[in-house]
Amino acid sequence: MFKNIQTALEKVLEKHTNKDYVEYKKIRKKWKQNIEQRIQKNIKLIDFTEGTITLKAKNTAWRNEALFMQGQIKKNFQAQKIQ
């Protein structure tokens, strides 16, 4: 039982020091500030891993809308290297 708790704690602590997770938190904050509420309601920011932002759309129409906005999203949310 204690090994399971220790493993869970290690995963949580590792997550907060992971460079991708830190960058994800920054992008999520920018997402909430810069993107309209209507779009936020229908397109969710899911993940950021190795320079790739993952979005989840409510339906195919919003997926297409995200594809059209792809250039704007890249421009506004390009990750900066963490030193």
PDB file of N, CA and C in Angstrom:
ATOM      1  N   MET A   1       0.821  -1.189   0.000  1.00  0.00           N
ATOM      2  CA  MET A   1       0.000   0.000   0.000  1.00  0.00           C
ATOM      3  C   MET A   1       0.865   1.253   0.000  1.00  0.00           C
ATOM      4  N   PHE A   2       1.905   1.286   0.834  1.00  0.00           N
ATOM      5  CA  PHE A   2       2.752   2.476   0.905  1.00  0.00           C
ATOM      6  C   PHE A   2       3.566   2.665  -0.367  1.00  0.00           C
ATOM      7  N   LYS A   3       3.902   1.575  -1.036  1.00  0.00           N
ATOM      8  CA  LYS A   3       4.623   1.693  -2.294  1.00  0.00           C
ATOM      9  C   LYS A   3       3.751   2.398  -3.333  1.00  0.00           C
ATOM     10  N   ASN A   4       2.464   2.103  -3.347  1.00  0.00           N
ATOM     11  CA  ASN A   4       1.548   2.741  -4.288  1.00  0.00           C
ATOM     12  C   ASN A   4       1.450   4.244  -4.017  1.00  0.00           C
ATOM     13  N   ILE A   5       1.388   4.632  -2.750  1.00  0.00           N
ATOM     14  CA  ILE A   5       1.319   6.049  -2.397  1.00  0.00           C
ATOM     15  C   ILE A   5       2.614   6.738  -2.797  1.00  0.00           C
ATOM     16  N   GLN A   6       3.736   6.112  -2.532  1.00  0.00           N
ATOM     17  CA  GLN A   6       5.032   6.681  -2.892  1.00  0.00           C
ATOM     18  C   GLN A   6       5.140   6.859  -4.405  1.00  0.00           C
ATOM     19  N   THR A   7       4.682   5.872  -5.155  1.00  0.00           N
ATOM     20  CA  THR A   7       4.713   5.954  -6.615  1.00  0.00           C
ATOM     21  C   THR A   7       3.831   7.101  -7.099  1.00  0.00           C
ATOM     22  N   ALA A   8       2.668   7.241  -6.517  1.00  0.00           N
ATOM     23  CA  ALA A   8       1.757   8.326  -6.903  1.00  0.00           C
ATOM     24  C   ALA A   8       2.368   9.688  -6.591  1.00  0.00           C
ATOM     25  N   LEU A   9       2.991   9.822  -5.436  1.00  0.00           N
ATOM     26  CA  LEU A   9       3.632  11.085  -5.074  1.00  0.00           C
ATOM     27  C   LEU A   9       4.790  11.411  -6.012  1.00  0.00           C
ATOM     28  N   GLU A  10       5.560  10.415  -6.385  1.00  0.00           N
ATOM     29  CA  GLU A  10       6.670  10.639  -7.309  1.00  0.00           C
ATOM     30  C   GLU A  10       6.160  11.130  -8.660  1.00  0.00           C
ATOM     31  N   LYS A  11       5.051  10.563  -9.130  1.00  0.00           N
ATOM     32  CA  LYS A  11       4.473  10.997 -10.408  1.00  0.00           C
ATOM     33  C   LYS A  11       3.996  12.442 -10.336  1.00  0.00           C
ATOM     34  N   VAL A  12       3.375  12.819  -9.226  1.00  0.00           N
ATOM     35  CA  VAL A  12       2.888  14.188  -9.060  1.00  0.00           C
ATOM     36  C   VAL A  12       4.058  15.161  -9.023  1.00  0.00           C
ATOM     37  N   LEU A  13       5.082  14.845  -8.268  1.00  0.00           N
ATOM     38  CA  LEU A  13       6.243  15.727  -8.178  1.00  0.00           C
ATOM     39  C   LEU A  13       6.978  15.806  -9.504  1.00  0.00           C
ATOM     40  N   GLU A  14       7.071  14.704 -10.203  1.00  0.00           N
ATOM     41  CA  GLU A  14       7.726  14.679 -11.513  1.00  0.00           C
ATOM     42  C   GLU A  14       6.971  15.551 -12.501  1.00  0.00           C
ATOM     43  N   LYS A  15       5.665  15.547 -12.414  1.00  0.00           N
ATOM     44  CA  LYS A  15       4.827  16.307 -13.332  1.00  0.00           C
ATOM     45  C   LYS A  15       5.092  17.810 -13.199  1.00  0.00           C
ATOM     46  N   HIS A  16       5.316  18.285 -11.980  1.00  0.00           N
ATOM     47  CA  HIS A  16       5.536  19.713 -11.766  1.00  0.00           C
ATOM     48  C   HIS A  16       6.930  20.161 -12.188  1.00  0.00           C
ATOM     49  N   THR A  17       7.849  19.258 -12.358  1.00  0.00           N
ATOM     50  CA  THR A  17       9.189  19.625 -12.801  1.00  0.00           C
ATOM     51  C   THR A  17       9.399  19.310 -14.281  1.00  0.00           C
ATOM     52  N   ASN A  18       8.452  18.656 -14.901  1.00  0.00           N
ATOM     53  CA  ASN A  18       8.527  18.321 -16.317  1.00  0.00           C
ATOM     54  C   ASN A  18       8.440  19.605 -17.140  1.00  0.00           C
ATOM     55  N   LYS A  19       9.385  19.828 -18.044  1.00  0.00           N
ATOM     56  CA  LYS A  19       9.432  21.049 -18.846  1.00  0.00           C
ATOM     57  C   LYS A  19       8.181  21.207 -19.705  1.00  0.00           C
ATOM     58  N   ASP A  20       7.704  20.115 -20.279  1.00  0.00           N
ATOM     59  CA  ASP A  20       6.502  20.179 -21.102  1.00  0.00           C
ATOM     60  C   ASP A  20       5.288  20.590 -20.267  1.00  0.00           C
ATOM     61  N   TYR A  21       5.198  20.097 -19.040  1.00  0.00           N
ATOM     62  CA  TYR A  21       4.061  20.434 -18.187  1.00  0.00           C
ATOM     63  C   TYR A  21       4.096  21.905 -17.801  1.00  0.00           C
ATOM     64  N   VAL A  22       5.279  22.410 -17.498  1.00  0.00           N
ATOM     65  CA  VAL A  22       5.419  23.827 -17.155  1.00  0.00           C
ATOM     66  C   VAL A  22       4.996  24.687 -18.344  1.00  0.00           C
ATOM     67  N   GLU A  23       5.425  24.301 -19.534  1.00  0.00           N
ATOM     68  CA  GLU A  23       5.056  25.034 -20.742  1.00  0.00           C
ATOM     69  C   GLU A  23       3.554  24.915 -21.002  1.00  0.00           C
ATOM     70  N   TYR A  24       2.970  23.746 -20.737  1.00  0.00           N
ATOM     71  CA  TYR A  24       1.524  23.538 -20.892  1.00  0.00           C
ATOM     72  C   TYR A  24       0.742  24.506 -20.004  1.00  0.00           C
ATOM     73  N   LYS A  25       1.196  24.685 -18.776  1.00  0.00           N
ATOM     74  CA  LYS A  25       0.518  25.599 -17.866  1.00  0.00           C
ATOM     75  C   LYS A  25       0.547  27.028 -18.401  1.00  0.00           C
ATOM     76  N   LYS A  26       1.677  27.444 -18.988  1.00  0.00           N
ATOM     77  CA  LYS A  26       1.782  28.781 -19.567  1.00  0.00           C
ATOM     78  C   LYS A  26       0.832  28.930 -20.754  1.00  0.00           C
ATOM     79  N   ILE A  27       0.792  27.916 -21.608  1.00  0.00           N
ATOM     80  CA  ILE A  27      -0.076  27.953 -22.785  1.00  0.00           C
ATOM     81  C   ILE A  27      -1.540  27.960 -22.364  1.00  0.00           C
ATOM     82  N   ARG A  28      -1.876  27.167 -21.355  1.00  0.00           N
ATOM     83  CA  ARG A  28      -3.261  27.121 -20.868  1.00  0.00           C
ATOM     84  C   ARG A  28      -3.698  28.492 -20.347  1.00  0.00           C
ATOM     85  N   LYS A  29      -2.798  29.187 -19.662  1.00  0.00           N
ATOM     86  CA  LYS A  29      -3.111  30.519 -19.155  1.00  0.00           C
ATOM     87  C   LYS A  29      -3.339  31.489 -20.319  1.00  0.00           C
ATOM     88  N   LYS A  30      -2.472  31.428 -21.326  1.00  0.00           N
ATOM     89  CA  LYS A  30      -2.637  32.272 -22.514  1.00  0.00           C
ATOM     90  C   LYS A  30      -3.938  31.930 -23.243  1.00  0.00           C
ATOM     91  N   TRP A  31      -4.263  30.641 -23.315  1.00  0.00           N
ATOM     92  CA  TRP A  31      -5.483  30.171 -23.995  1.00  0.00           C
ATOM     93  C   TRP A  31      -6.709  30.819 -23.354  1.00  0.00           C
ATOM     94  N   LYS A  32      -6.751  30.822 -22.030  1.00  0.00           N
ATOM     95  CA  LYS A  32      -7.897  31.386 -21.328  1.00  0.00           C
ATOM     96  C   LYS A  32      -7.993  32.896 -21.509  1.00  0.00           C
ATOM     97  N   GLN A  33      -6.854  33.568 -21.665  1.00  0.00           N
ATOM     98  CA  GLN A  33      -6.852  35.021 -21.805  1.00  0.00           C
ATOM     99  C   GLN A  33      -7.133  35.479 -23.236  1.00  0.00           C
ATOM    100  N   ASN A  34      -6.611  34.763 -24.236  1.00  0.00           N
ATOM    101  CA  ASN A  34      -6.630  35.249 -25.608  1.00  0.00           C
ATOM    102  C   ASN A  34      -7.721  34.677 -26.503  1.00  0.00           C
ATOM    103  N   ILE A  35      -8.323  33.593 -26.119  1.00  0.00           N
ATOM    104  CA  ILE A  35      -9.304  32.930 -26.976  1.00  0.00           C
ATOM    105  C   ILE A  35     -10.716  33.248 -26.487  1.00  0.00           C
ATOM    106  N   GLU A  36     -11.606  33.524 -27.432  1.00  0.00           N
ATOM    107  CA  GLU A  36     -13.003  33.838 -27.107  1.00  0.00           C
ATOM    108  C   GLU A  36     -13.669  32.707 -26.327  1.00  0.00           C
ATOM    109  N   GLN A  37     -14.628  33.080 -25.482  1.00  0.00           N
ATOM    110  CA  GLN A  37     -15.362  32.099 -24.679  1.00  0.00           C
ATOM    111  C   GLN A  37     -16.086  31.079 -25.549  1.00  0.00           C
ATOM    112  N   ARG A  38     -16.655  31.535 -26.651  1.00  0.00           N
ATOM    113  CA  ARG A  38     -17.394  30.646 -27.561  1.00  0.00           C
ATOM    114  C   ARG A  38     -16.479  29.549 -28.101  1.00  0.00           C
ATOM    115  N   ILE A  39     -15.264  29.924 -28.451  1.00  0.00           N
ATOM    116  CA  ILE A  39     -14.308  28.944 -28.975  1.00  0.00           C
ATOM    117  C   ILE A  39     -13.818  28.043 -27.856  1.00  0.00           C
ATOM    118  N   GLN A  40     -13.533  28.620 -26.683  1.00  0.00           N
ATOM    119  CA  GLN A  40     -13.089  27.813 -25.540  1.00  0.00           C
ATOM    120  C   GLN A  40     -14.119  26.762 -25.159  1.00  0.00           C
ATOM    121  N   LYS A  41     -15.373  27.092 -25.310  1.00  0.00           N
ATOM    122  CA  LYS A  41     -16.452  26.155 -24.964  1.00  0.00           C
ATOM    123  C   LYS A  41     -16.465  24.948 -25.905  1.00  0.00           C
ATOM    124  N   ASN A  42     -16.072  25.162 -27.155  1.00  0.00           N
ATOM    125  CA  ASN A  42     -16.171  24.118 -28.159  1.00  0.00           C
ATOM    126  C   ASN A  42     -14.843  23.453 -28.533  1.00  0.00           C
ATOM    127  N   ILE A  43     -13.741  24.104 -28.233  1.00  0.00           N
ATOM    128  CA  ILE A  43     -12.420  23.526 -28.503  1.00  0.00           C
ATOM    129  C   ILE A  43     -11.616  23.583 -27.209  1.00  0.00           C
ATOM    130  N   LYS A  44     -11.216  22.436 -26.712  1.00  0.00           N
ATOM    131  CA  LYS A  44     -10.496  22.345 -25.444  1.00  0.00           C
ATOM    132  C   LYS A  44      -9.006  22.111 -25.687  1.00  0.00           C
ATOM    133  N   LEU A  45      -8.199  22.750 -24.868  1.00  0.00           N
ATOM    134  CA  LEU A  45      -6.756  22.523 -24.875  1.00  0.00           C
ATOM    135  C   LEU A  45      -6.500  21.290 -24.015  1.00  0.00           C
ATOM    136  N   ILE A  46      -5.952  20.244 -24.617  1.00  0.00           N
ATOM    137  CA  ILE A  46      -5.794  18.970 -23.923  1.00  0.00           C
ATOM    138  C   ILE A  46      -4.377  18.758 -23.406  1.00  0.00           C
ATOM    139  N   ASP A  47      -3.368  18.980 -24.264  1.00  0.00           N
ATOM    140  CA  ASP A  47      -2.014  18.583 -23.885  1.00  0.00           C
ATOM    141  C   ASP A  47      -0.980  19.386 -24.665  1.00  0.00           C
ATOM    142  N   PHE A  48       0.220  19.428 -24.138  1.00  0.00           N
ATOM    143  CA  PHE A  48       1.383  19.958 -24.825  1.00  0.00           C
ATOM    144  C   PHE A  48       2.534  19.002 -24.560  1.00  0.00           C
ATOM    145  N   THR A  49       3.038  18.369 -25.612  1.00  0.00           N
ATOM    146  CA  THR A  49       4.132  17.410 -25.468  1.00  0.00           C
ATOM    147  C   THR A  49       5.088  17.575 -26.630  1.00  0.00           C
ATOM    148  N   GLU A  50       6.342  17.753 -26.305  1.00  0.00           N
ATOM    149  CA  GLU A  50       7.408  17.847 -27.302  1.00  0.00           C
ATOM    150  C   GLU A  50       7.083  18.846 -28.407  1.00  0.00           C
ATOM    151  N   GLY A  51       6.575  20.013 -28.031  1.00  0.00           N
ATOM    152  CA  GLY A  51       6.291  21.068 -28.997  1.00  0.00           C
ATOM    153  C   GLY A  51       4.987  20.937 -29.750  1.00  0.00           C
ATOM    154  N   THR A  52       4.149  19.992 -29.382  1.00  0.00           N
ATOM    155  CA  THR A  52       2.882  19.774 -30.064  1.00  0.00           C
ATOM    156  C   THR A  52       1.721  20.069 -29.117  1.00  0.00           C
ATOM    157  N   ILE A  53       0.846  20.976 -29.546  1.00  0.00           N
ATOM    158  CA  ILE A  53      -0.353  21.287 -28.776  1.00  0.00           C
ATOM    159  C   ILE A  53      -1.474  20.368 -29.255  1.00  0.00           C
ATOM    160  N   THR A  54      -2.160  19.732 -28.318  1.00  0.00           N
ATOM    161  CA  THR A  54      -3.276  18.855 -28.650  1.00  0.00           C
ATOM    162  C   THR A  54      -4.578  19.538 -28.248  1.00  0.00           C
ATOM    163  N   LEU A  55      -5.485  19.646 -29.205  1.00  0.00           N
ATOM    164  CA  LEU A  55      -6.793  20.238 -28.977  1.00  0.00           C
ATOM    165  C   LEU A  55      -7.867  19.188 -29.199  1.00  0.00           C
ATOM    166  N   LYS A  56      -8.998  19.348 -28.517  1.00  0.00           N
ATOM    167  CA  LYS A  56     -10.127  18.451 -28.710  1.00  0.00           C
ATOM    168  C   LYS A  56     -11.342  19.297 -29.060  1.00  0.00           C
ATOM    169  N   ALA A  57     -11.946  18.999 -30.198  1.00  0.00           N
ATOM    170  CA  ALA A  57     -13.106  19.752 -30.671  1.00  0.00           C
ATOM    171  C   ALA A  57     -14.395  19.030 -30.302  1.00  0.00           C
ATOM    172  N   LYS A  58     -15.435  19.804 -30.089  1.00  0.00           N
ATOM    173  CA  LYS A  58     -16.736  19.261 -29.708  1.00  0.00           C
ATOM    174  C   LYS A  58     -17.343  18.415 -30.821  1.00  0.00           C
ATOM    175  N   ASN A  59     -17.165  18.851 -32.076  1.00  0.00           N
ATOM    176  CA  ASN A  59     -17.686  18.098 -33.212  1.00  0.00           C
ATOM    177  C   ASN A  59     -16.836  18.414 -34.443  1.00  0.00           C
ATOM    178  N   THR A  60     -17.185  17.836 -35.575  1.00  0.00           N
ATOM    179  CA  THR A  60     -16.363  18.001 -36.774  1.00  0.00           C
ATOM    180  C   THR A  60     -16.377  19.431 -37.301  1.00  0.00           C
ATOM    181  N   ALA A  61     -17.458  20.133 -37.112  1.00  0.00           N
ATOM    182  CA  ALA A  61     -17.503  21.532 -37.559  1.00  0.00           C
ATOM    183  C   ALA A  61     -16.478  22.367 -36.812  1.00  0.00           C
ATOM    184  N   TRP A  62     -16.381  22.149 -35.510  1.00  0.00           N
ATOM    185  CA  TRP A  62     -15.393  22.891 -34.723  1.00  0.00           C
ATOM    186  C   TRP A  62     -13.978  22.399 -35.011  1.00  0.00           C
ATOM    187  N   ARG A  63     -13.844  21.150 -35.378  1.00  0.00           N
ATOM    188  CA  ARG A  63     -12.535  20.629 -35.771  1.00  0.00           C
ATOM    189  C   ARG A  63     -12.052  21.371 -37.018  1.00  0.00           C
ATOM    190  N   ASN A  64     -12.934  21.547 -37.986  1.00  0.00           N
ATOM    191  CA  ASN A  64     -12.590  22.294 -39.192  1.00  0.00           C
ATOM    192  C   ASN A  64     -12.262  23.752 -38.857  1.00  0.00           C
ATOM    193  N   GLU A  65     -13.018  24.332 -37.952  1.00  0.00           N
ATOM    194  CA  GLU A  65     -12.744  25.703 -37.521  1.00  0.00           C
ATOM    195  C   GLU A  65     -11.343  25.805 -36.909  1.00  0.00           C
ATOM    196  N   ALA A  66     -10.971  24.818 -36.116  1.00  0.00           N
ATOM    197  CA  ALA A  66      -9.628  24.800 -35.514  1.00  0.00           C
ATOM    198  C   ALA A  66      -8.557  24.678 -36.596  1.00  0.00           C
ATOM    199  N   LEU A  67      -8.828  23.888 -37.620  1.00  0.00           N
ATOM    200  CA  LEU A  67      -7.871  23.765 -38.725  1.00  0.00           C
ATOM    201  C   LEU A  67      -7.690  25.095 -39.444  1.00  0.00           C
ATOM    202  N   PHE A  68      -8.784  25.836 -39.635  1.00  0.00           N
ATOM    203  CA  PHE A  68      -8.689  27.143 -40.266  1.00  0.00           C
ATOM    204  C   PHE A  68      -7.931  28.137 -39.379  1.00  0.00           C
ATOM    205  N   MET A  69      -8.039  27.987 -38.076  1.00  0.00           N
ATOM    206  CA  MET A  69      -7.374  28.871 -37.132  1.00  0.00           C
ATOM    207  C   MET A  69      -5.954  28.416 -36.814  1.00  0.00           C
ATOM    208  N   GLN A  70      -5.504  27.345 -37.398  1.00  0.00           N
ATOM    209  CA  GLN A  70      -4.219  26.738 -37.067  1.00  0.00           C
ATOM    210  C   GLN A  70      -3.055  27.736 -37.154  1.00  0.00           C
ATOM    211  N   GLY A  71      -3.011  28.528 -38.188  1.00  0.00           N
ATOM    212  CA  GLY A  71      -1.937  29.510 -38.338  1.00  0.00           C
ATOM    213  C   GLY A  71      -1.937  30.532 -37.220  1.00  0.00           C
ATOM    214  N   GLN A  72      -3.125  31.018 -36.876  1.00  0.00           N
ATOM    215  CA  GLN A  72      -3.264  31.989 -35.802  1.00  0.00           C
ATOM    216  C   GLN A  72      -2.857  31.373 -34.457  1.00  0.00           C
ATOM    217  N   ILE A  73      -3.260  30.132 -34.238  1.00  0.00           N
ATOM    218  CA  ILE A  73      -2.922  29.448 -32.988  1.00  0.00           C
ATOM    219  C   ILE A  73      -1.413  29.267 -32.885  1.00  0.00           C
ATOM    220  N   LYS A  74      -0.782  28.841 -33.960  1.00  0.00           N
ATOM    221  CA  LYS A  74       0.671  28.664 -33.953  1.00  0.00           C
ATOM    222  C   LYS A  74       1.378  29.976 -33.646  1.00  0.00           C
ATOM    223  N   LYS A  75       0.904  31.037 -34.264  1.00  0.00           N
ATOM    224  CA  LYS A  75       1.522  32.345 -34.089  1.00  0.00           C
ATOM    225  C   LYS A  75       1.418  32.807 -32.635  1.00  0.00           C
ATOM    226  N   ASN A  76       0.250  32.641 -32.032  1.00  0.00           N
ATOM    227  CA  ASN A  76       0.012  33.127 -30.683  1.00  0.00           C
ATOM    228  C   ASN A  76       0.569  32.232 -29.583  1.00  0.00           C
ATOM    229  N   PHE A  77       0.724  30.951 -29.850  1.00  0.00           N
ATOM    230  CA  PHE A  77       1.066  30.019 -28.785  1.00  0.00           C
ATOM    231  C   PHE A  77       2.356  29.250 -29.034  1.00  0.00           C
ATOM    232  N   GLN A  78       3.232  29.780 -29.843  1.00  0.00           N
ATOM    233  CA  GLN A  78       4.495  29.093 -30.059  1.00  0.00           C
ATOM    234  C   GLN A  78       5.243  29.026 -28.734  1.00  0.00           C
ATOM    235  N   ALA A  79       5.710  27.846 -28.428  1.00  0.00           N
ATOM    236  CA  ALA A  79       6.425  27.631 -27.176  1.00  0.00           C
ATOM    237  C   ALA A  79       7.835  28.194 -27.274  1.00  0.00           C
ATOM    238  N   GLN A  80       8.278  28.800 -26.218  1.00  0.00           N
ATOM    239  CA  GLN A  80       9.650  29.281 -26.158  1.00  0.00           C
ATOM    240  C   GLN A  80      10.480  28.243 -25.436  1.00  0.00           C
ATOM    241  N   LYS A  81      11.720  28.127 -25.835  1.00  0.00           N
ATOM    242  CA  LYS A  81      12.582  27.149 -25.187  1.00  0.00           C
ATOM    243  C   LYS A  81      12.822  27.535 -23.739  1.00  0.00           C
ATOM    244  N   ILE A  82      12.774  26.552 -22.878  1.00  0.00           N
ATOM    245  CA  ILE A  82      13.019  26.760 -21.457  1.00  0.00           C
ATOM    246  C   ILE A  82      14.496  26.501 -21.203  1.00  0.00           C
ATOM    247  N   GLN A  83      15.130  27.447 -20.551  1.00  0.00           N
ATOM    248  CA  GLN A  83      16.570  27.274 -20.280  1.00  0.00           C
ATOM    249  C   GLN A  83      16.800  26.995 -18.845  1.00  0.00           C
TER     250      GLN A  83
END
